[in-house]
């Protein structure tokens, strides 16, 4: 962090025409990121609102979404399953896990599989649908 502050920040400020312009540019980028995050959240909400009564999400709805929205949908399904198992604290699927699961969900070769996520959550493809299941109760 110190290297960035001491070396990169002055170089970026110079390229932008000074500290004030660099701050303005960084503020604009932060605003864009927030807007993108809000859009991704709204799109994920729209897709998740189409879950079946069983909790399954039709793959056609999942697949029609752009990649960032698909990843958010997977995160939210996994979080809901973790919470159902009593994990109320923060939960996140590692990015590599999201990418791998997403690739498998876009592939039609296998119609039934399970991907085990952190804390025992299971992401499942069940024919034409996607679901997340909480871990089985401890014995």
N, C-alpha and C. Protein backbone atom coordinates (compact mmCIF):
# COMPACT_ATOMS: atom_id res chain seq x y z
N UNK A 1 0.83 -1.19 0.00
CA UNK A 1 0.00 0.00 0.00
C UNK A 1 0.87 1.25 0.00
N UNK A 2 1.96 1.21 0.75
CA UNK A 2 2.85 2.36 0.77
C UNK A 2 3.48 2.62 -0.59
N UNK A 3 3.84 1.54 -1.30
CA UNK A 3 4.43 1.71 -2.63
C UNK A 3 3.45 2.42 -3.56
N UNK A 4 2.18 2.03 -3.48
CA UNK A 4 1.17 2.67 -4.32
C UNK A 4 1.05 4.15 -3.97
N UNK A 5 1.03 4.43 -2.67
CA UNK A 5 0.88 5.82 -2.22
C UNK A 5 2.08 6.65 -2.61
N UNK A 6 3.27 6.08 -2.49
CA UNK A 6 4.50 6.84 -2.73
C UNK A 6 4.92 6.88 -4.19
N UNK A 7 4.58 5.85 -4.95
CA UNK A 7 5.05 5.80 -6.33
C UNK A 7 3.93 5.93 -7.36
N UNK A 8 2.89 5.13 -7.22
CA UNK A 8 1.83 5.13 -8.24
C UNK A 8 0.95 6.37 -8.18
N UNK A 9 0.56 6.78 -6.98
CA UNK A 9 -0.34 7.94 -6.87
C UNK A 9 0.26 9.20 -7.48
N UNK A 10 1.51 9.54 -7.21
CA UNK A 10 2.06 10.73 -7.85
C UNK A 10 2.12 10.62 -9.38
N UNK A 11 2.44 9.44 -9.87
CA UNK A 11 2.48 9.26 -11.33
C UNK A 11 1.10 9.41 -11.94
N UNK A 12 0.08 8.84 -11.29
CA UNK A 12 -1.29 8.98 -11.79
C UNK A 12 -1.76 10.43 -11.71
N UNK A 13 -1.42 11.11 -10.63
CA UNK A 13 -1.79 12.52 -10.50
C UNK A 13 -1.16 13.34 -11.61
N UNK A 14 0.07 13.03 -11.93
CA UNK A 14 0.75 13.74 -13.00
C UNK A 14 0.05 13.51 -14.35
N UNK A 15 -0.34 12.27 -14.60
CA UNK A 15 -1.03 11.94 -15.85
C UNK A 15 -2.40 12.61 -15.95
N UNK A 16 -3.05 12.78 -14.80
CA UNK A 16 -4.40 13.36 -14.78
C UNK A 16 -4.38 14.88 -14.75
N UNK A 17 -3.23 15.47 -14.50
CA UNK A 17 -3.16 16.93 -14.44
C UNK A 17 -3.26 17.47 -13.03
N UNK A 18 -2.90 16.67 -12.03
CA UNK A 18 -2.88 17.14 -10.64
C UNK A 18 -3.73 16.28 -9.72
N UNK A 19 -3.51 16.50 -8.42
CA UNK A 19 -4.20 15.72 -7.41
C UNK A 19 -5.72 15.89 -7.48
N UNK A 20 -6.17 17.12 -7.66
CA UNK A 20 -7.62 17.38 -7.67
C UNK A 20 -8.29 16.64 -8.83
N UNK A 21 -7.65 16.63 -9.99
CA UNK A 21 -8.23 15.94 -11.15
C UNK A 21 -8.19 14.43 -10.97
N UNK A 22 -7.13 13.93 -10.33
CA UNK A 22 -7.06 12.50 -10.03
C UNK A 22 -8.19 12.11 -9.08
N UNK A 23 -8.41 12.90 -8.03
CA UNK A 23 -9.49 12.61 -7.09
C UNK A 23 -10.85 12.64 -7.80
N UNK A 24 -11.04 13.61 -8.69
CA UNK A 24 -12.30 13.70 -9.42
C UNK A 24 -12.50 12.45 -10.30
N UNK A 25 -11.43 12.02 -10.94
CA UNK A 25 -11.52 10.83 -11.79
C UNK A 25 -11.82 9.58 -10.97
N UNK A 26 -11.15 9.45 -9.83
CA UNK A 26 -11.40 8.31 -8.95
C UNK A 26 -12.82 8.34 -8.39
N UNK A 27 -13.33 9.52 -8.07
CA UNK A 27 -14.71 9.64 -7.61
C UNK A 27 -15.69 9.22 -8.71
N UNK A 28 -15.40 9.62 -9.96
CA UNK A 28 -16.25 9.23 -11.08
C UNK A 28 -16.23 7.71 -11.27
N UNK A 29 -15.06 7.11 -11.15
CA UNK A 29 -14.95 5.65 -11.28
C UNK A 29 -15.71 4.94 -10.16
N UNK A 30 -15.62 5.48 -8.94
CA UNK A 30 -16.35 4.90 -7.81
C UNK A 30 -17.86 4.98 -8.08
N UNK A 31 -18.31 6.11 -8.60
CA UNK A 31 -19.73 6.26 -8.93
C UNK A 31 -20.18 5.27 -10.00
N UNK A 32 -19.34 5.07 -11.01
CA UNK A 32 -19.66 4.09 -12.06
C UNK A 32 -19.74 2.68 -11.47
N UNK A 33 -18.80 2.34 -10.59
CA UNK A 33 -18.80 1.02 -9.97
C UNK A 33 -20.06 0.83 -9.12
N UNK A 34 -20.46 1.86 -8.38
CA UNK A 34 -21.68 1.76 -7.57
C UNK A 34 -22.90 1.58 -8.46
N UNK A 35 -22.96 2.32 -9.57
CA UNK A 35 -24.08 2.18 -10.50
C UNK A 35 -24.13 0.79 -11.10
N UNK A 36 -22.98 0.27 -11.49
CA UNK A 36 -22.91 -1.07 -12.04
C UNK A 36 -23.36 -2.09 -10.99
N UNK A 37 -22.91 -1.92 -9.76
CA UNK A 37 -23.32 -2.82 -8.68
C UNK A 37 -24.82 -2.80 -8.46
N UNK A 38 -25.42 -1.61 -8.52
CA UNK A 38 -26.88 -1.49 -8.36
C UNK A 38 -27.60 -2.19 -9.50
N UNK A 39 -27.08 -2.04 -10.73
CA UNK A 39 -27.70 -2.69 -11.88
C UNK A 39 -27.60 -4.21 -11.75
N UNK A 40 -26.43 -4.72 -11.38
CA UNK A 40 -26.24 -6.16 -11.21
C UNK A 40 -27.22 -6.68 -10.15
N UNK A 41 -27.35 -5.97 -9.05
CA UNK A 41 -28.26 -6.38 -7.98
C UNK A 41 -29.71 -6.41 -8.47
N UNK A 42 -30.12 -5.40 -9.21
CA UNK A 42 -31.49 -5.35 -9.73
C UNK A 42 -31.74 -6.48 -10.72
N UNK A 43 -30.77 -6.76 -11.58
CA UNK A 43 -30.92 -7.85 -12.54
C UNK A 43 -30.97 -9.21 -11.84
N UNK A 44 -30.15 -9.37 -10.80
CA UNK A 44 -30.18 -10.62 -10.03
C UNK A 44 -31.53 -10.77 -9.34
N UNK A 45 -32.04 -9.67 -8.77
CA UNK A 45 -33.38 -9.71 -8.14
C UNK A 45 -34.43 -10.16 -9.14
N UNK A 46 -34.37 -9.62 -10.36
CA UNK A 46 -35.36 -9.96 -11.39
C UNK A 46 -35.30 -11.45 -11.73
N UNK A 47 -34.11 -11.99 -11.82
CA UNK A 47 -33.99 -13.41 -12.14
C UNK A 47 -34.44 -14.29 -10.97
N UNK A 48 -34.02 -13.93 -9.77
CA UNK A 48 -34.38 -14.74 -8.61
C UNK A 48 -35.87 -14.68 -8.30
N UNK A 49 -36.55 -13.63 -8.75
CA UNK A 49 -37.99 -13.53 -8.54
C UNK A 49 -38.74 -14.58 -9.37
N UNK A 50 -38.04 -15.23 -10.28
CA UNK A 50 -38.66 -16.24 -11.14
C UNK A 50 -38.34 -17.66 -10.70
N UNK A 51 -37.85 -17.79 -9.44
CA UNK A 51 -37.62 -19.13 -8.90
C UNK A 51 -38.94 -19.87 -8.78
N UNK A 52 -38.86 -21.17 -8.96
CA UNK A 52 -40.03 -22.02 -8.79
C UNK A 52 -40.34 -22.16 -7.30
N UNK A 53 -41.51 -22.68 -6.98
CA UNK A 53 -41.88 -22.89 -5.58
C UNK A 53 -40.88 -23.80 -4.87
N UNK A 54 -40.23 -24.68 -5.60
CA UNK A 54 -39.24 -25.60 -5.04
C UNK A 54 -37.92 -24.91 -4.72
N UNK A 55 -37.79 -23.65 -5.15
CA UNK A 55 -36.54 -22.93 -4.97
C UNK A 55 -35.60 -23.04 -6.16
N UNK A 56 -35.98 -23.87 -7.13
CA UNK A 56 -35.15 -24.03 -8.33
C UNK A 56 -35.31 -22.81 -9.25
N UNK A 57 -34.23 -22.49 -9.93
CA UNK A 57 -34.25 -21.41 -10.92
C UNK A 57 -34.07 -22.05 -12.29
N UNK A 58 -35.01 -21.82 -13.23
CA UNK A 58 -34.85 -22.39 -14.56
C UNK A 58 -33.54 -21.92 -15.21
N UNK A 59 -32.82 -22.86 -15.81
CA UNK A 59 -31.53 -22.54 -16.42
C UNK A 59 -31.66 -21.52 -17.55
N UNK A 60 -32.76 -21.53 -18.27
CA UNK A 60 -32.91 -20.56 -19.36
C UNK A 60 -32.89 -19.13 -18.84
N UNK A 61 -33.45 -18.91 -17.65
CA UNK A 61 -33.42 -17.57 -17.04
C UNK A 61 -32.01 -17.24 -16.58
N UNK A 62 -31.35 -18.20 -15.97
CA UNK A 62 -29.97 -18.01 -15.51
C UNK A 62 -29.05 -17.73 -16.70
N UNK A 63 -29.14 -18.53 -17.72
CA UNK A 63 -28.22 -18.42 -18.86
C UNK A 63 -28.41 -17.14 -19.67
N UNK A 64 -29.60 -16.57 -19.63
CA UNK A 64 -29.87 -15.35 -20.41
C UNK A 64 -29.21 -14.12 -19.80
N UNK A 65 -28.72 -14.24 -18.58
CA UNK A 65 -28.12 -13.09 -17.89
C UNK A 65 -26.66 -12.91 -18.28
N UNK A 66 -26.16 -11.67 -18.23
CA UNK A 66 -24.73 -11.44 -18.43
C UNK A 66 -23.93 -12.06 -17.28
N UNK A 67 -22.65 -12.33 -17.51
CA UNK A 67 -21.81 -13.01 -16.53
C UNK A 67 -21.84 -12.41 -15.13
N UNK A 68 -21.70 -11.08 -14.96
CA UNK A 68 -21.72 -10.55 -13.58
C UNK A 68 -23.03 -10.84 -12.86
N UNK A 69 -24.13 -10.85 -13.59
CA UNK A 69 -25.43 -11.13 -12.99
C UNK A 69 -25.52 -12.61 -12.63
N UNK A 70 -25.03 -13.49 -13.51
CA UNK A 70 -25.03 -14.92 -13.20
C UNK A 70 -24.23 -15.19 -11.93
N UNK A 71 -23.07 -14.55 -11.80
CA UNK A 71 -22.25 -14.74 -10.60
C UNK A 71 -22.99 -14.26 -9.35
N UNK A 72 -23.68 -13.14 -9.44
CA UNK A 72 -24.45 -12.61 -8.30
C UNK A 72 -25.58 -13.57 -7.93
N UNK A 73 -26.24 -14.13 -8.93
CA UNK A 73 -27.31 -15.10 -8.68
C UNK A 73 -26.74 -16.30 -7.92
N UNK A 74 -25.60 -16.82 -8.37
CA UNK A 74 -24.99 -17.96 -7.68
C UNK A 74 -24.64 -17.60 -6.23
N UNK A 75 -24.05 -16.42 -6.05
CA UNK A 75 -23.70 -15.98 -4.69
C UNK A 75 -24.94 -15.93 -3.80
N UNK A 76 -26.01 -15.38 -4.30
CA UNK A 76 -27.22 -15.22 -3.49
C UNK A 76 -27.88 -16.56 -3.19
N UNK A 77 -27.90 -17.46 -4.17
CA UNK A 77 -28.47 -18.79 -3.91
C UNK A 77 -27.66 -19.51 -2.84
N UNK A 78 -26.34 -19.43 -2.94
CA UNK A 78 -25.47 -20.07 -1.96
C UNK A 78 -25.64 -19.44 -0.58
N UNK A 79 -25.74 -18.12 -0.52
CA UNK A 79 -25.94 -17.43 0.75
C UNK A 79 -27.25 -17.86 1.40
N UNK A 80 -28.31 -17.96 0.62
CA UNK A 80 -29.60 -18.38 1.16
C UNK A 80 -29.51 -19.79 1.73
N UNK A 81 -28.81 -20.67 1.03
CA UNK A 81 -28.65 -22.05 1.53
C UNK A 81 -27.81 -22.06 2.81
N UNK A 82 -26.76 -21.26 2.86
CA UNK A 82 -25.92 -21.19 4.06
C UNK A 82 -26.74 -20.66 5.24
N UNK A 83 -27.54 -19.66 5.01
CA UNK A 83 -28.38 -19.10 6.08
C UNK A 83 -29.41 -20.12 6.55
N UNK A 84 -29.95 -20.90 5.62
CA UNK A 84 -30.92 -21.94 5.99
C UNK A 84 -30.28 -22.98 6.90
N UNK A 85 -28.97 -23.14 6.79
CA UNK A 85 -28.24 -24.09 7.63
C UNK A 85 -27.76 -23.44 8.93
N UNK A 86 -28.11 -22.18 9.15
CA UNK A 86 -27.74 -21.52 10.39
C UNK A 86 -26.48 -20.70 10.33
N UNK A 87 -25.92 -20.50 9.16
CA UNK A 87 -24.73 -19.66 9.01
C UNK A 87 -25.19 -18.24 8.71
N UNK A 88 -25.38 -17.44 9.75
CA UNK A 88 -25.92 -16.10 9.58
C UNK A 88 -24.85 -15.08 9.23
N UNK A 89 -23.58 -15.44 9.43
CA UNK A 89 -22.51 -14.47 9.15
C UNK A 89 -22.22 -14.41 7.65
N UNK A 90 -21.25 -13.64 7.29
CA UNK A 90 -20.91 -13.43 5.88
C UNK A 90 -20.58 -14.76 5.20
N UNK A 91 -20.98 -14.88 3.96
CA UNK A 91 -20.73 -16.08 3.18
C UNK A 91 -20.43 -15.63 1.77
N UNK A 92 -19.41 -16.20 1.18
CA UNK A 92 -19.08 -15.88 -0.22
C UNK A 92 -18.45 -17.09 -0.87
N UNK A 93 -18.80 -17.29 -2.11
CA UNK A 93 -18.19 -18.35 -2.92
C UNK A 93 -16.94 -17.75 -3.55
N UNK A 94 -15.80 -18.44 -3.47
CA UNK A 94 -14.59 -17.92 -4.12
C UNK A 94 -14.83 -17.71 -5.62
N UNK A 95 -14.18 -16.69 -6.19
CA UNK A 95 -14.40 -16.33 -7.59
C UNK A 95 -14.14 -17.50 -8.53
N UNK A 96 -13.09 -18.26 -8.30
CA UNK A 96 -12.81 -19.42 -9.16
C UNK A 96 -13.96 -20.43 -9.11
N UNK A 97 -14.54 -20.58 -7.93
CA UNK A 97 -15.69 -21.47 -7.80
C UNK A 97 -16.89 -20.98 -8.59
N UNK A 98 -17.11 -19.66 -8.58
CA UNK A 98 -18.19 -19.08 -9.38
C UNK A 98 -17.97 -19.33 -10.86
N UNK A 99 -16.76 -19.08 -11.31
CA UNK A 99 -16.46 -19.26 -12.74
C UNK A 99 -16.62 -20.71 -13.16
N UNK A 100 -16.14 -21.64 -12.34
CA UNK A 100 -16.26 -23.06 -12.67
C UNK A 100 -17.72 -23.50 -12.71
N UNK A 101 -18.48 -23.11 -11.69
CA UNK A 101 -19.89 -23.48 -11.64
C UNK A 101 -20.65 -22.86 -12.81
N UNK A 102 -20.36 -21.61 -13.12
CA UNK A 102 -21.02 -20.93 -14.23
C UNK A 102 -20.74 -21.65 -15.55
N UNK A 103 -19.50 -22.05 -15.77
CA UNK A 103 -19.15 -22.77 -17.01
C UNK A 103 -19.92 -24.08 -17.10
N UNK A 104 -20.02 -24.78 -15.99
CA UNK A 104 -20.76 -26.05 -16.00
C UNK A 104 -22.25 -25.83 -16.25
N UNK A 105 -22.80 -24.74 -15.71
CA UNK A 105 -24.22 -24.46 -15.89
C UNK A 105 -24.55 -24.03 -17.31
N UNK A 106 -23.58 -23.53 -18.03
CA UNK A 106 -23.82 -23.13 -19.42
C UNK A 106 -23.57 -24.28 -20.39
N UNK A 107 -23.06 -25.39 -19.89
CA UNK A 107 -22.78 -26.57 -20.71
C UNK A 107 -23.97 -27.52 -20.64
N UNK A 108 -24.42 -27.99 -21.79
CA UNK A 108 -25.57 -28.90 -21.82
C UNK A 108 -25.20 -30.37 -21.70
N UNK A 109 -23.92 -30.70 -21.60
CA UNK A 109 -23.49 -32.09 -21.62
C UNK A 109 -23.99 -32.89 -20.42
N UNK A 110 -24.02 -32.30 -19.25
CA UNK A 110 -24.41 -33.03 -18.04
C UNK A 110 -25.68 -32.41 -17.48
N UNK A 111 -26.72 -33.21 -17.31
CA UNK A 111 -27.99 -32.66 -16.85
C UNK A 111 -28.20 -32.78 -15.35
N UNK A 112 -27.33 -33.50 -14.67
CA UNK A 112 -27.46 -33.60 -13.22
C UNK A 112 -26.07 -33.69 -12.61
N UNK A 113 -25.73 -32.72 -11.76
CA UNK A 113 -24.46 -32.71 -11.06
C UNK A 113 -24.56 -31.86 -9.82
N UNK A 114 -23.60 -32.03 -8.94
CA UNK A 114 -23.53 -31.27 -7.70
C UNK A 114 -22.13 -30.69 -7.56
N UNK A 115 -22.07 -29.44 -7.18
CA UNK A 115 -20.80 -28.76 -6.90
C UNK A 115 -20.82 -28.38 -5.42
N UNK A 116 -19.85 -28.87 -4.67
CA UNK A 116 -19.80 -28.59 -3.23
C UNK A 116 -19.07 -27.27 -2.98
N UNK A 117 -19.76 -26.38 -2.30
CA UNK A 117 -19.25 -25.04 -2.01
C UNK A 117 -18.84 -24.97 -0.53
N UNK A 118 -18.22 -23.87 -0.12
CA UNK A 118 -17.83 -23.73 1.29
C UNK A 118 -19.00 -23.94 2.26
N UNK A 119 -18.66 -24.44 3.45
CA UNK A 119 -19.60 -24.69 4.55
C UNK A 119 -20.66 -25.73 4.21
N UNK A 120 -20.34 -26.61 3.27
CA UNK A 120 -21.23 -27.72 2.96
C UNK A 120 -22.40 -27.40 2.05
N UNK A 121 -22.49 -26.19 1.53
CA UNK A 121 -23.56 -25.82 0.61
C UNK A 121 -23.35 -26.57 -0.71
N UNK A 122 -24.43 -27.08 -1.26
CA UNK A 122 -24.35 -27.82 -2.52
C UNK A 122 -25.10 -27.06 -3.62
N UNK A 123 -24.39 -26.73 -4.68
CA UNK A 123 -25.00 -26.14 -5.87
C UNK A 123 -25.34 -27.31 -6.78
N UNK A 124 -26.60 -27.40 -7.19
CA UNK A 124 -27.04 -28.56 -7.95
C UNK A 124 -27.69 -28.15 -9.27
N UNK A 125 -27.34 -28.90 -10.30
CA UNK A 125 -28.08 -28.79 -11.56
C UNK A 125 -29.01 -29.97 -11.61
N UNK A 126 -30.28 -29.68 -11.75
CA UNK A 126 -31.31 -30.72 -11.79
C UNK A 126 -32.06 -30.59 -13.11
N UNK A 127 -31.56 -31.22 -14.14
CA UNK A 127 -32.19 -31.13 -15.45
C UNK A 127 -32.12 -29.72 -15.99
N UNK A 128 -33.29 -29.08 -16.10
CA UNK A 128 -33.35 -27.72 -16.67
C UNK A 128 -33.34 -26.64 -15.60
N UNK A 129 -32.90 -26.99 -14.39
CA UNK A 129 -32.96 -26.02 -13.29
C UNK A 129 -31.70 -26.05 -12.44
N UNK A 130 -31.53 -24.98 -11.68
CA UNK A 130 -30.41 -24.77 -10.77
C UNK A 130 -30.97 -24.57 -9.37
N UNK A 131 -30.29 -25.15 -8.38
CA UNK A 131 -30.72 -24.98 -6.99
C UNK A 131 -29.50 -25.05 -6.09
N UNK A 132 -29.63 -24.47 -4.91
CA UNK A 132 -28.62 -24.57 -3.87
C UNK A 132 -29.27 -25.22 -2.67
N UNK A 133 -28.56 -26.19 -2.09
CA UNK A 133 -29.09 -26.89 -0.94
C UNK A 133 -28.18 -26.67 0.26
N UNK A 134 -28.78 -26.48 1.44
CA UNK A 134 -27.94 -26.35 2.63
C UNK A 134 -27.28 -27.69 2.94
N UNK A 135 -26.24 -27.66 3.75
CA UNK A 135 -25.61 -28.92 4.12
C UNK A 135 -26.54 -29.77 4.96
N UNK A 136 -26.34 -31.09 4.94
CA UNK A 136 -27.18 -31.92 5.81
C UNK A 136 -26.90 -31.60 7.27
N UNK A 137 -27.89 -31.82 8.14
CA UNK A 137 -27.68 -31.53 9.56
C UNK A 137 -26.56 -32.40 10.14
N UNK A 138 -25.84 -31.85 11.09
CA UNK A 138 -24.77 -32.61 11.75
C UNK A 138 -25.38 -33.70 12.61
N UNK A 139 -24.68 -34.80 12.69
CA UNK A 139 -25.21 -35.94 13.47
C UNK A 139 -24.74 -35.89 14.88
